[in-house]
Amino acid sequence: MPSLYNPIFSAVVRSLPVSLHSIKVDAAFWQPKFTAAGQLPLWNAIFGGLPTIRISRNRLLTFAYPSPEQKTAEILLWGYPRDMRGIVSRLLFHLPSISHCSSAVALWSDYNASFGAIPERIGISTITKLAHFHGCTFGGLNALILDNRLISSTANWVETTMPGLTYQNAPTQYPIYLSVMHAVASNPALACTPAQLELFLFTLGESFY
């Protein structure tokens, strides 16, 4: 099992331009889905007549959005650009409620539970994307994305292995995940941002053994 503190890997992690990480989104693919949800004006606002756009992490974190619903919609498009399992299609009907939950400041347990009031089920992957890009902190630690791919990747590295972490128990284990990720990132042997570590694990975490 490799170590993130190996200079070969730590140099890669520290060099990742996280803010520039972007996802390409196709306007024509999304038009009927926004229309079905009664959100065609929002579709127009997001795509602005362009056939495709790229949504970057920096935009999601720093752009002064005209409405919380647009920010929430763009987070969902960034996370699921091809509407995996119809997640975004279903959630477009509930953007005001999701936006309200997303920006709430609370303990992680309260934050996570607040999404239970929304008729469509929202999983840990989506909730943590919303928390991260809304700048939420839990226990003084910046929220990070956690999904199946990251759960699998953390198990491949000495420093991030969290025995027993699964997608099913991730909602209760999430504070531990944050503690581990922040501690590993701040170690002088790695000295990166937690977001750089998360992106490395997501993109390359299963590529080295």
N, C-alpha and C. Protein backbone atom coordinates (compact mmCIF):
# COMPACT_ATOMS: atom_id res chain seq x y z
N MET A 1 0.85 -1.19 0.00
CA MET A 1 0.00 0.00 0.00
C MET A 1 0.89 1.25 0.00
N PRO A 2 0.71 2.15 -0.98
CA PRO A 2 1.57 3.33 -1.07
C PRO A 2 1.27 4.37 0.01
N SER A 3 2.22 5.27 0.20
CA SER A 3 2.08 6.34 1.17
C SER A 3 1.98 7.69 0.47
N LEU A 4 1.04 8.50 0.90
CA LEU A 4 0.90 9.85 0.36
C LEU A 4 2.09 10.73 0.72
N TYR A 5 2.84 10.31 1.76
CA TYR A 5 4.00 11.09 2.20
C TYR A 5 5.25 10.79 1.40
N ASN A 6 5.18 9.82 0.51
CA ASN A 6 6.27 9.58 -0.42
C ASN A 6 6.44 10.82 -1.30
N PRO A 7 7.63 11.39 -1.39
CA PRO A 7 7.82 12.62 -2.16
C PRO A 7 7.33 12.54 -3.61
N ILE A 8 7.34 11.36 -4.17
CA ILE A 8 6.86 11.20 -5.55
C ILE A 8 5.39 11.58 -5.64
N PHE A 9 4.59 11.15 -4.63
CA PHE A 9 3.16 11.42 -4.65
C PHE A 9 2.83 12.78 -4.06
N SER A 10 3.53 13.16 -2.99
CA SER A 10 3.21 14.43 -2.35
C SER A 10 3.41 15.61 -3.30
N ALA A 11 4.41 15.51 -4.16
CA ALA A 11 4.65 16.59 -5.13
C ALA A 11 3.49 16.70 -6.11
N VAL A 12 2.93 15.56 -6.49
CA VAL A 12 1.79 15.57 -7.42
C VAL A 12 0.58 16.20 -6.75
N VAL A 13 0.30 15.79 -5.51
CA VAL A 13 -0.87 16.31 -4.80
C VAL A 13 -0.78 17.82 -4.64
N ARG A 14 0.38 18.30 -4.23
CA ARG A 14 0.56 19.74 -4.00
C ARG A 14 0.46 20.57 -5.27
N SER A 15 0.69 19.94 -6.41
CA SER A 15 0.69 20.68 -7.68
C SER A 15 -0.69 20.75 -8.33
N LEU A 16 -1.67 20.06 -7.79
CA LEU A 16 -2.99 20.03 -8.42
C LEU A 16 -3.68 21.39 -8.34
N PRO A 17 -4.06 21.97 -9.49
CA PRO A 17 -4.76 23.26 -9.50
C PRO A 17 -6.26 23.06 -9.27
N VAL A 18 -6.65 22.83 -8.04
CA VAL A 18 -8.02 22.43 -7.73
C VAL A 18 -9.04 23.44 -8.25
N SER A 19 -8.76 24.71 -8.08
CA SER A 19 -9.74 25.72 -8.48
C SER A 19 -10.05 25.68 -9.97
N LEU A 20 -9.11 25.17 -10.78
CA LEU A 20 -9.31 25.11 -12.23
C LEU A 20 -10.02 23.83 -12.67
N HIS A 21 -10.20 22.90 -11.78
CA HIS A 21 -10.88 21.65 -12.12
C HIS A 21 -12.31 21.96 -12.55
N SER A 22 -12.64 21.61 -13.80
CA SER A 22 -13.95 21.97 -14.33
C SER A 22 -14.59 20.80 -15.07
N ILE A 23 -15.90 20.92 -15.24
CA ILE A 23 -16.69 19.88 -15.91
C ILE A 23 -17.44 20.51 -17.08
N LYS A 24 -17.41 19.84 -18.23
CA LYS A 24 -18.12 20.32 -19.42
C LYS A 24 -19.58 19.87 -19.36
N VAL A 25 -20.49 20.81 -19.63
CA VAL A 25 -21.92 20.52 -19.55
C VAL A 25 -22.59 20.95 -20.85
N ASP A 26 -23.43 20.07 -21.39
CA ASP A 26 -24.08 20.28 -22.69
C ASP A 26 -25.47 20.89 -22.52
N ALA A 27 -25.72 22.02 -23.16
CA ALA A 27 -26.99 22.73 -23.01
C ALA A 27 -28.18 21.95 -23.55
N ALA A 28 -28.04 21.38 -24.74
CA ALA A 28 -29.16 20.67 -25.37
C ALA A 28 -29.60 19.47 -24.55
N PHE A 29 -28.65 18.80 -23.94
CA PHE A 29 -28.99 17.64 -23.11
C PHE A 29 -29.89 18.04 -21.95
N TRP A 30 -29.63 19.23 -21.39
CA TRP A 30 -30.34 19.64 -20.18
C TRP A 30 -31.61 20.43 -20.42
N GLN A 31 -31.80 20.98 -21.62
CA GLN A 31 -32.97 21.82 -21.85
C GLN A 31 -34.29 21.11 -21.54
N PRO A 32 -34.54 19.90 -22.07
CA PRO A 32 -35.82 19.25 -21.76
C PRO A 32 -35.98 18.91 -20.29
N LYS A 33 -34.89 18.66 -19.59
CA LYS A 33 -34.97 18.31 -18.18
C LYS A 33 -35.32 19.53 -17.33
N PHE A 34 -34.73 20.68 -17.66
CA PHE A 34 -35.08 21.92 -16.96
C PHE A 34 -36.52 22.32 -17.30
N THR A 35 -36.90 22.13 -18.56
CA THR A 35 -38.26 22.48 -18.99
C THR A 35 -39.29 21.65 -18.24
N ALA A 36 -39.04 20.36 -18.12
CA ALA A 36 -39.97 19.47 -17.42
C ALA A 36 -40.16 19.87 -15.97
N ALA A 37 -39.11 20.45 -15.37
CA ALA A 37 -39.17 20.86 -13.97
C ALA A 37 -39.66 22.29 -13.80
N GLY A 38 -40.06 22.94 -14.91
CA GLY A 38 -40.50 24.32 -14.85
C GLY A 38 -39.37 25.29 -14.59
N GLN A 39 -38.17 24.92 -15.02
CA GLN A 39 -36.97 25.72 -14.74
C GLN A 39 -36.28 26.21 -16.01
N LEU A 40 -37.06 26.43 -17.09
CA LEU A 40 -36.45 26.89 -18.34
C LEU A 40 -35.75 28.24 -18.17
N PRO A 41 -36.31 29.22 -17.44
CA PRO A 41 -35.57 30.49 -17.25
C PRO A 41 -34.22 30.27 -16.58
N LEU A 42 -34.15 29.32 -15.67
CA LEU A 42 -32.88 29.02 -15.00
C LEU A 42 -31.90 28.39 -15.99
N TRP A 43 -32.40 27.53 -16.85
CA TRP A 43 -31.55 26.94 -17.90
C TRP A 43 -30.96 28.03 -18.77
N ASN A 44 -31.79 29.00 -19.16
CA ASN A 44 -31.31 30.12 -19.96
C ASN A 44 -30.24 30.92 -19.22
N ALA A 45 -30.45 31.13 -17.93
CA ALA A 45 -29.49 31.91 -17.13
C ALA A 45 -28.15 31.19 -17.03
N ILE A 46 -28.18 29.88 -16.91
CA ILE A 46 -26.96 29.10 -16.74
C ILE A 46 -26.16 29.01 -18.04
N PHE A 47 -26.87 28.72 -19.15
CA PHE A 47 -26.16 28.47 -20.41
C PHE A 47 -26.00 29.72 -21.28
N GLY A 48 -26.86 30.71 -21.09
CA GLY A 48 -26.71 31.98 -21.79
C GLY A 48 -26.58 31.87 -23.30
N GLY A 49 -27.28 30.90 -23.89
CA GLY A 49 -27.25 30.74 -25.34
C GLY A 49 -26.07 29.95 -25.87
N LEU A 50 -25.19 29.50 -24.99
CA LEU A 50 -24.03 28.73 -25.42
C LEU A 50 -24.38 27.25 -25.55
N PRO A 51 -23.78 26.55 -26.51
CA PRO A 51 -24.07 25.12 -26.66
C PRO A 51 -23.49 24.28 -25.53
N THR A 52 -22.35 24.71 -25.00
CA THR A 52 -21.74 24.03 -23.86
C THR A 52 -21.10 25.07 -22.94
N ILE A 53 -20.98 24.72 -21.68
CA ILE A 53 -20.25 25.54 -20.72
C ILE A 53 -19.35 24.64 -19.91
N ARG A 54 -18.37 25.26 -19.26
CA ARG A 54 -17.55 24.53 -18.31
C ARG A 54 -17.77 25.16 -16.94
N ILE A 55 -18.09 24.34 -15.96
CA ILE A 55 -18.31 24.81 -14.60
C ILE A 55 -17.10 24.39 -13.77
N SER A 56 -16.42 25.37 -13.22
CA SER A 56 -15.21 25.09 -12.45
C SER A 56 -15.49 25.11 -10.95
N ARG A 57 -14.60 24.50 -10.21
CA ARG A 57 -14.71 24.55 -8.75
C ARG A 57 -14.60 25.99 -8.26
N ASN A 58 -13.75 26.76 -8.88
CA ASN A 58 -13.59 28.15 -8.47
C ASN A 58 -14.89 28.93 -8.64
N ARG A 59 -15.57 28.72 -9.75
CA ARG A 59 -16.85 29.40 -9.97
C ARG A 59 -17.85 29.01 -8.88
N LEU A 60 -17.97 27.74 -8.61
CA LEU A 60 -18.95 27.28 -7.62
C LEU A 60 -18.66 27.84 -6.24
N LEU A 61 -17.39 28.06 -5.93
CA LEU A 61 -17.02 28.55 -4.61
C LEU A 61 -17.08 30.07 -4.49
N THR A 62 -16.85 30.79 -5.58
CA THR A 62 -16.65 32.23 -5.45
C THR A 62 -17.59 33.11 -6.25
N PHE A 63 -18.28 32.58 -7.25
CA PHE A 63 -19.11 33.42 -8.11
C PHE A 63 -20.30 33.99 -7.33
N ALA A 64 -20.60 35.26 -7.60
CA ALA A 64 -21.74 35.92 -6.95
C ALA A 64 -23.01 35.58 -7.72
N TYR A 65 -23.61 34.46 -7.39
CA TYR A 65 -24.79 33.99 -8.12
C TYR A 65 -25.99 34.91 -7.89
N PRO A 66 -26.82 35.13 -8.92
CA PRO A 66 -28.00 35.97 -8.76
C PRO A 66 -29.08 35.34 -7.89
N SER A 67 -29.02 34.02 -7.71
CA SER A 67 -30.00 33.35 -6.85
C SER A 67 -29.37 32.09 -6.28
N PRO A 68 -29.80 31.67 -5.08
CA PRO A 68 -29.28 30.42 -4.51
C PRO A 68 -29.67 29.21 -5.34
N GLU A 69 -30.81 29.31 -6.03
CA GLU A 69 -31.24 28.19 -6.86
C GLU A 69 -30.29 27.95 -8.02
N GLN A 70 -29.76 29.03 -8.60
CA GLN A 70 -28.81 28.85 -9.71
C GLN A 70 -27.53 28.19 -9.23
N LYS A 71 -27.04 28.63 -8.07
CA LYS A 71 -25.83 28.00 -7.54
C LYS A 71 -26.06 26.52 -7.28
N THR A 72 -27.18 26.20 -6.66
CA THR A 72 -27.49 24.79 -6.38
C THR A 72 -27.58 23.99 -7.66
N ALA A 73 -28.24 24.54 -8.67
CA ALA A 73 -28.38 23.83 -9.95
C ALA A 73 -27.02 23.60 -10.59
N GLU A 74 -26.13 24.58 -10.54
CA GLU A 74 -24.81 24.41 -11.16
C GLU A 74 -23.96 23.39 -10.40
N ILE A 75 -24.11 23.33 -9.09
CA ILE A 75 -23.42 22.29 -8.32
C ILE A 75 -23.88 20.91 -8.78
N LEU A 76 -25.19 20.77 -8.97
CA LEU A 76 -25.74 19.49 -9.41
C LEU A 76 -25.26 19.14 -10.82
N LEU A 77 -25.20 20.14 -11.70
CA LEU A 77 -24.71 19.89 -13.07
C LEU A 77 -23.24 19.52 -13.05
N TRP A 78 -22.46 20.18 -12.20
CA TRP A 78 -21.04 19.84 -12.08
C TRP A 78 -20.87 18.41 -11.57
N GLY A 79 -21.68 18.03 -10.61
CA GLY A 79 -21.54 16.71 -10.01
C GLY A 79 -22.06 15.58 -10.87
N TYR A 80 -23.10 15.88 -11.67
CA TYR A 80 -23.74 14.84 -12.47
C TYR A 80 -24.04 15.39 -13.87
N PRO A 81 -23.00 15.66 -14.67
CA PRO A 81 -23.18 16.33 -15.97
C PRO A 81 -24.00 15.55 -16.97
N ARG A 82 -24.16 14.23 -16.77
CA ARG A 82 -25.00 13.41 -17.65
C ARG A 82 -26.19 12.84 -16.88
N ASP A 83 -26.54 13.48 -15.78
CA ASP A 83 -27.74 13.13 -15.02
C ASP A 83 -27.74 11.66 -14.57
N MET A 84 -26.63 11.23 -13.99
CA MET A 84 -26.50 9.85 -13.53
C MET A 84 -27.70 9.43 -12.68
N ARG A 85 -28.30 8.33 -13.06
CA ARG A 85 -29.47 7.77 -12.37
C ARG A 85 -30.62 8.77 -12.22
N GLY A 86 -30.65 9.79 -13.06
CA GLY A 86 -31.73 10.76 -13.02
C GLY A 86 -31.74 11.62 -11.77
N ILE A 87 -30.58 11.70 -11.10
CA ILE A 87 -30.51 12.42 -9.84
C ILE A 87 -30.91 13.89 -10.01
N VAL A 88 -30.30 14.55 -10.99
CA VAL A 88 -30.56 15.98 -11.15
C VAL A 88 -31.98 16.22 -11.65
N SER A 89 -32.45 15.40 -12.57
CA SER A 89 -33.82 15.57 -13.08
C SER A 89 -34.83 15.60 -11.95
N ARG A 90 -34.64 14.74 -10.96
CA ARG A 90 -35.57 14.70 -9.83
C ARG A 90 -35.39 15.90 -8.90
N LEU A 91 -34.15 16.29 -8.68
CA LEU A 91 -33.89 17.35 -7.71
C LEU A 91 -34.20 18.74 -8.25
N LEU A 92 -34.27 18.90 -9.57
CA LEU A 92 -34.60 20.20 -10.13
C LEU A 92 -35.98 20.70 -9.67
N PHE A 93 -36.85 19.78 -9.31
CA PHE A 93 -38.19 20.15 -8.84
C PHE A 93 -38.15 20.74 -7.42
N HIS A 94 -37.03 20.60 -6.73
CA HIS A 94 -36.96 20.98 -5.32
C HIS A 94 -35.83 21.95 -5.02
N LEU A 95 -35.43 22.74 -6.00
CA LEU A 95 -34.26 23.62 -5.83
C LEU A 95 -34.40 24.61 -4.66
N PRO A 96 -35.56 25.25 -4.46
CA PRO A 96 -35.64 26.18 -3.32
C PRO A 96 -35.38 25.50 -1.98
N SER A 97 -35.98 24.34 -1.77
CA SER A 97 -35.80 23.61 -0.51
C SER A 97 -34.36 23.13 -0.34
N ILE A 98 -33.78 22.62 -1.42
CA ILE A 98 -32.40 22.15 -1.35
C ILE A 98 -31.46 23.32 -1.09
N SER A 99 -31.70 24.45 -1.73
CA SER A 99 -30.86 25.61 -1.52
C SER A 99 -30.91 26.08 -0.08
N HIS A 100 -32.08 26.03 0.53
CA HIS A 100 -32.22 26.44 1.93
C HIS A 100 -31.42 25.51 2.83
N CYS A 101 -31.52 24.22 2.61
CA CYS A 101 -30.78 23.25 3.43
C CYS A 101 -29.28 23.40 3.22
N SER A 102 -28.87 23.68 1.99
CA SER A 102 -27.46 23.69 1.64
C SER A 102 -26.68 24.79 2.34
N SER A 103 -27.31 25.92 2.56
CA SER A 103 -26.60 27.06 3.12
C SER A 103 -26.75 27.16 4.63
N ALA A 104 -27.50 26.25 5.22
CA ALA A 104 -27.71 26.31 6.66
C ALA A 104 -26.40 26.03 7.40
N VAL A 105 -26.17 26.73 8.49
CA VAL A 105 -24.99 26.51 9.32
C VAL A 105 -25.43 25.66 10.51
N ALA A 106 -24.85 24.50 10.63
CA ALA A 106 -25.29 23.58 11.68
C ALA A 106 -24.24 22.51 11.91
N LEU A 107 -24.48 21.71 12.92
CA LEU A 107 -23.68 20.51 13.10
C LEU A 107 -23.89 19.61 11.89
N TRP A 108 -22.89 18.77 11.59
CA TRP A 108 -23.04 17.86 10.46
C TRP A 108 -24.29 17.01 10.60
N SER A 109 -24.56 16.48 11.76
CA SER A 109 -25.73 15.63 11.94
C SER A 109 -27.02 16.38 11.62
N ASP A 110 -27.10 17.65 12.02
CA ASP A 110 -28.28 18.45 11.73
C ASP A 110 -28.35 18.81 10.24
N TYR A 111 -27.20 19.15 9.69
CA TYR A 111 -27.14 19.50 8.27
C TYR A 111 -27.60 18.32 7.41
N ASN A 112 -27.05 17.17 7.67
CA ASN A 112 -27.40 15.96 6.92
C ASN A 112 -28.88 15.62 7.08
N ALA A 113 -29.38 15.72 8.31
CA ALA A 113 -30.77 15.37 8.58
C ALA A 113 -31.74 16.33 7.91
N SER A 114 -31.34 17.58 7.71
CA SER A 114 -32.26 18.57 7.14
C SER A 114 -32.72 18.18 5.74
N PHE A 115 -31.90 17.44 5.01
CA PHE A 115 -32.28 17.04 3.66
C PHE A 115 -33.35 15.95 3.67
N GLY A 116 -33.58 15.35 4.81
CA GLY A 116 -34.61 14.33 4.91
C GLY A 116 -36.01 14.86 4.70
N ALA A 117 -36.19 16.18 4.81
CA ALA A 117 -37.51 16.78 4.61
C ALA A 117 -37.86 16.93 3.13
N ILE A 118 -36.89 16.74 2.26
CA ILE A 118 -37.12 16.87 0.82
C ILE A 118 -37.67 15.56 0.29
N PRO A 119 -38.76 15.61 -0.50
CA PRO A 119 -39.41 14.37 -0.96
C PRO A 119 -38.48 13.39 -1.69
N GLU A 120 -37.56 13.90 -2.50
CA GLU A 120 -36.62 13.02 -3.20
C GLU A 120 -35.44 12.71 -2.29
N ARG A 121 -35.05 11.44 -2.26
CA ARG A 121 -33.91 11.06 -1.44
C ARG A 121 -32.64 11.70 -1.98
N ILE A 122 -31.82 12.24 -1.08
CA ILE A 122 -30.54 12.84 -1.45
C ILE A 122 -29.44 12.12 -0.69
N GLY A 123 -28.50 11.54 -1.41
CA GLY A 123 -27.45 10.73 -0.80
C GLY A 123 -26.27 11.56 -0.33
N ILE A 124 -25.37 10.89 0.37
CA ILE A 124 -24.19 11.53 0.96
C ILE A 124 -23.33 12.21 -0.10
N SER A 125 -23.22 11.63 -1.28
CA SER A 125 -22.41 12.22 -2.34
C SER A 125 -22.92 13.60 -2.72
N THR A 126 -24.22 13.71 -2.90
CA THR A 126 -24.82 14.99 -3.27
C THR A 126 -24.77 15.98 -2.12
N ILE A 127 -25.09 15.53 -0.93
CA ILE A 127 -25.10 16.41 0.24
C ILE A 127 -23.72 17.00 0.49
N THR A 128 -22.68 16.20 0.37
CA THR A 128 -21.34 16.72 0.64
C THR A 128 -20.84 17.64 -0.47
N LYS A 129 -21.30 17.43 -1.71
CA LYS A 129 -20.99 18.40 -2.77
C LYS A 129 -21.61 19.75 -2.42
N LEU A 130 -22.86 19.72 -2.02
CA LEU A 130 -23.55 20.97 -1.66
C LEU A 130 -22.86 21.64 -0.47
N ALA A 131 -22.49 20.85 0.52
CA ALA A 131 -21.82 21.41 1.70
C ALA A 131 -20.48 22.02 1.33
N HIS A 132 -19.71 21.32 0.52
CA HIS A 132 -18.38 21.82 0.14
C HIS A 132 -18.47 23.14 -0.61
N PHE A 133 -19.34 23.18 -1.62
CA PHE A 133 -19.38 24.38 -2.47
C PHE A 133 -20.15 25.54 -1.84
N HIS A 134 -20.86 25.26 -0.76
CA HIS A 134 -21.48 26.35 0.00
C HIS A 134 -20.58 26.79 1.16
N GLY A 135 -19.37 26.25 1.21
CA GLY A 135 -18.39 26.69 2.20
C GLY A 135 -18.74 26.32 3.63
N CYS A 136 -19.43 25.22 3.82
CA CYS A 136 -19.82 24.80 5.17
C CYS A 136 -18.61 24.26 5.93
N THR A 137 -18.64 24.43 7.22
CA THR A 137 -17.62 23.83 8.09
C THR A 137 -18.33 23.04 9.18
N PHE A 138 -17.73 21.94 9.57
CA PHE A 138 -18.28 21.09 10.63
C PHE A 138 -17.15 20.77 11.60
N GLY A 139 -17.34 21.13 12.84
CA GLY A 139 -16.28 20.94 13.82
C GLY A 139 -15.05 21.75 13.48
N GLY A 140 -15.24 22.89 12.82
CA GLY A 140 -14.11 23.73 12.44
C GLY A 140 -13.37 23.27 11.20
N LEU A 141 -13.86 22.23 10.54
CA LEU A 141 -13.19 21.68 9.36
C LEU A 141 -14.03 21.94 8.11
N ASN A 142 -13.38 22.39 7.05
CA ASN A 142 -14.09 22.65 5.80
C ASN A 142 -14.67 21.36 5.24
N ALA A 143 -15.91 21.44 4.79
CA ALA A 143 -16.57 20.27 4.20
C ALA A 143 -15.84 19.82 2.95
N LEU A 144 -15.76 18.51 2.75
CA LEU A 144 -15.16 17.90 1.57
C LEU A 144 -16.14 16.93 0.95
N ILE A 145 -16.00 16.70 -0.33
CA ILE A 145 -16.87 15.75 -1.02
C ILE A 145 -16.51 14.33 -0.59
N LEU A 146 -17.55 13.50 -0.43
CA LEU A 146 -17.34 12.08 -0.13
C LEU A 146 -18.33 11.28 -0.96
N ASP A 147 -17.81 10.41 -1.80
CA ASP A 147 -18.67 9.55 -2.62
C ASP A 147 -18.06 8.15 -2.69
N ASN A 148 -18.70 7.29 -3.45
CA ASN A 148 -18.23 5.90 -3.54
C ASN A 148 -16.79 5.81 -4.02
N ARG A 149 -16.44 6.63 -4.99
CA ARG A 149 -15.09 6.57 -5.55
C ARG A 149 -14.05 6.98 -4.51
N LEU A 150 -14.36 8.00 -3.70
CA LEU A 150 -13.43 8.42 -2.66
C LEU A 150 -13.35 7.39 -1.55
N ILE A 151 -14.48 6.80 -1.21
CA ILE A 151 -14.48 5.75 -0.18
C ILE A 151 -13.54 4.62 -0.60
N SER A 152 -13.63 4.24 -1.87
CA SER A 152 -12.77 3.17 -2.39
C SER A 152 -11.31 3.61 -2.41
N SER A 153 -11.06 4.85 -2.82
CA SER A 153 -9.68 5.32 -2.97
C SER A 153 -8.97 5.52 -1.63
N THR A 154 -9.70 5.99 -0.62
CA THR A 154 -9.04 6.22 0.68
C THR A 154 -8.46 4.93 1.23
N ALA A 155 -9.06 3.80 0.89
CA ALA A 155 -8.59 2.52 1.40
C ALA A 155 -7.29 2.06 0.76
N ASN A 156 -6.86 2.75 -0.29
CA ASN A 156 -5.65 2.33 -1.01
C ASN A 156 -4.37 2.98 -0.49
N TRP A 157 -4.50 3.91 0.48
CA TRP A 157 -3.34 4.66 0.94
C TRP A 157 -3.18 4.53 2.44
N VAL A 158 -1.95 4.41 2.88
CA VAL A 158 -1.66 4.17 4.29
C VAL A 158 -2.33 5.20 5.18
N GLU A 159 -2.19 6.47 4.82
CA GLU A 159 -2.60 7.55 5.72
C GLU A 159 -4.11 7.76 5.75
N THR A 160 -4.84 7.39 4.70
CA THR A 160 -6.26 7.69 4.64
C THR A 160 -7.16 6.48 4.84
N THR A 161 -6.57 5.34 5.09
CA THR A 161 -7.38 4.14 5.31
C THR A 161 -8.28 4.32 6.53
N MET A 162 -9.57 4.13 6.33
CA MET A 162 -10.55 4.21 7.42
C MET A 162 -11.32 2.90 7.45
N PRO A 163 -10.85 1.93 8.22
CA PRO A 163 -11.47 0.61 8.23
C PRO A 163 -12.96 0.69 8.53
N GLY A 164 -13.72 -0.01 7.73
CA GLY A 164 -15.16 -0.07 7.98
C GLY A 164 -15.97 1.01 7.30
N LEU A 165 -15.30 1.98 6.66
CA LEU A 165 -16.04 3.06 5.99
C LEU A 165 -16.72 2.52 4.74
N THR A 166 -18.03 2.69 4.67
CA THR A 166 -18.81 2.26 3.50
C THR A 166 -19.76 3.39 3.11
N TYR A 167 -20.35 3.26 1.95
CA TYR A 167 -21.32 4.28 1.53
C TYR A 167 -22.52 4.29 2.47
N GLN A 168 -22.87 3.11 2.97
CA GLN A 168 -24.04 3.01 3.85
C GLN A 168 -23.83 3.72 5.18
N ASN A 169 -22.62 3.62 5.75
CA ASN A 169 -22.39 4.27 7.05
C ASN A 169 -21.69 5.62 6.92
N ALA A 170 -21.46 6.06 5.70
CA ALA A 170 -20.76 7.33 5.48
C ALA A 170 -21.43 8.52 6.18
N PRO A 171 -22.77 8.60 6.24
CA PRO A 171 -23.36 9.75 6.94
C PRO A 171 -22.95 9.86 8.40
N THR A 172 -22.74 8.74 9.07
CA THR A 172 -22.31 8.80 10.47
C THR A 172 -20.80 8.89 10.60
N GLN A 173 -20.07 8.41 9.60
CA GLN A 173 -18.61 8.42 9.63
C GLN A 173 -18.02 9.69 9.01
N TYR A 174 -18.83 10.53 8.44
CA TYR A 174 -18.32 11.71 7.73
C TYR A 174 -17.43 12.61 8.60
N PRO A 175 -17.77 12.89 9.86
CA PRO A 175 -16.85 13.71 10.66
C PRO A 175 -15.47 13.08 10.82
N ILE A 176 -15.41 11.75 10.89
CA ILE A 176 -14.12 11.07 10.97
C ILE A 176 -13.36 11.25 9.67
N TYR A 177 -14.05 11.11 8.56
CA TYR A 177 -13.45 11.33 7.24
C TYR A 177 -12.83 12.72 7.16
N LEU A 178 -13.57 13.74 7.60
CA LEU A 178 -13.04 15.11 7.57
C LEU A 178 -11.79 15.23 8.43
N SER A 179 -11.84 14.65 9.62
CA SER A 179 -10.68 14.74 10.53
C SER A 179 -9.45 14.10 9.92
N VAL A 180 -9.62 12.92 9.32
CA VAL A 180 -8.50 12.22 8.70
C VAL A 180 -7.94 13.02 7.53
N MET A 181 -8.82 13.48 6.65
CA MET A 181 -8.37 14.19 5.46
C MET A 181 -7.64 15.49 5.80
N HIS A 182 -8.17 16.23 6.77
CA HIS A 182 -7.52 17.48 7.16
C HIS A 182 -6.18 17.21 7.85
N ALA A 183 -6.13 16.18 8.68
CA ALA A 183 -4.89 15.86 9.37
C ALA A 183 -3.80 15.42 8.39
N VAL A 184 -4.17 14.58 7.45
CA VAL A 184 -3.19 14.10 6.47
C VAL A 184 -2.70 15.25 5.59
N ALA A 185 -3.62 16.09 5.15
CA ALA A 185 -3.24 17.21 4.29
C ALA A 185 -2.31 18.19 4.99
N SER A 186 -2.50 18.39 6.28
CA SER A 186 -1.70 19.37 7.02
C SER A 186 -0.35 18.82 7.49
N ASN A 187 -0.14 17.52 7.36
CA ASN A 187 1.14 16.95 7.76
C ASN A 187 2.26 17.56 6.91
N PRO A 188 3.37 17.97 7.52
CA PRO A 188 4.47 18.59 6.75
C PRO A 188 4.98 17.73 5.60
N ALA A 189 4.81 16.43 5.72
CA ALA A 189 5.29 15.55 4.65
C ALA A 189 4.43 15.66 3.39
N LEU A 190 3.23 16.21 3.54
CA LEU A 190 2.36 16.38 2.38
C LEU A 190 2.11 17.87 2.12
N ALA A 191 1.68 18.60 3.15
CA ALA A 191 1.54 20.06 3.09
C ALA A 191 0.72 20.52 1.88
N CYS A 192 -0.49 19.99 1.77
CA CYS A 192 -1.38 20.41 0.70
C CYS A 192 -2.69 20.89 1.32
N THR A 193 -3.61 21.32 0.50
CA THR A 193 -4.93 21.66 1.02
C THR A 193 -5.77 20.38 1.06
N PRO A 194 -6.76 20.32 1.95
CA PRO A 194 -7.64 19.15 1.96
C PRO A 194 -8.32 18.93 0.62
N ALA A 195 -8.66 20.02 -0.08
CA ALA A 195 -9.31 19.89 -1.38
C ALA A 195 -8.36 19.26 -2.41
N GLN A 196 -7.08 19.58 -2.34
CA GLN A 196 -6.11 18.94 -3.24
C GLN A 196 -6.04 17.44 -2.97
N LEU A 197 -6.05 17.08 -1.70
CA LEU A 197 -6.01 15.67 -1.34
C LEU A 197 -7.26 14.95 -1.85
N GLU A 198 -8.41 15.57 -1.66
CA GLU A 198 -9.67 14.97 -2.13
C GLU A 198 -9.64 14.77 -3.64
N LEU A 199 -9.19 15.79 -4.39
CA LEU A 199 -9.16 15.68 -5.84
C LEU A 199 -8.16 14.62 -6.30
N PHE A 200 -7.01 14.54 -5.64
CA PHE A 200 -6.03 13.51 -5.99
C PHE A 200 -6.62 12.12 -5.79
N LEU A 201 -7.24 11.91 -4.65
CA LEU A 201 -7.82 10.60 -4.37
C LEU A 201 -8.93 10.27 -5.37
N PHE A 202 -9.71 11.27 -5.75
CA PHE A 202 -10.81 11.03 -6.69
C PHE A 202 -10.27 10.70 -8.08
N THR A 203 -9.26 11.44 -8.52
CA THR A 203 -8.80 11.26 -9.91
C THR A 203 -7.74 10.17 -10.06
N LEU A 204 -6.86 10.03 -9.05
CA LEU A 204 -5.72 9.12 -9.19
C LEU A 204 -5.58 8.13 -8.04
N GLY A 205 -6.51 8.18 -7.12
CA GLY A 205 -6.37 7.38 -5.90
C GLY A 205 -6.34 5.88 -6.09
N GLU A 206 -6.87 5.40 -7.23
CA GLU A 206 -6.86 3.97 -7.47
C GLU A 206 -5.89 3.60 -8.59
N SER A 207 -4.97 4.50 -8.89
CA SER A 207 -4.05 4.26 -10.01
C SER A 207 -2.69 3.74 -9.61
N PHE A 208 -2.38 3.74 -8.29
CA PHE A 208 -1.04 3.34 -7.85
C PHE A 208 -1.15 2.30 -6.73
N TYR A 209 -0.35 1.24 -6.86
CA TYR A 209 -0.35 0.20 -5.84
C TYR A 209 1.08 -0.25 -5.57
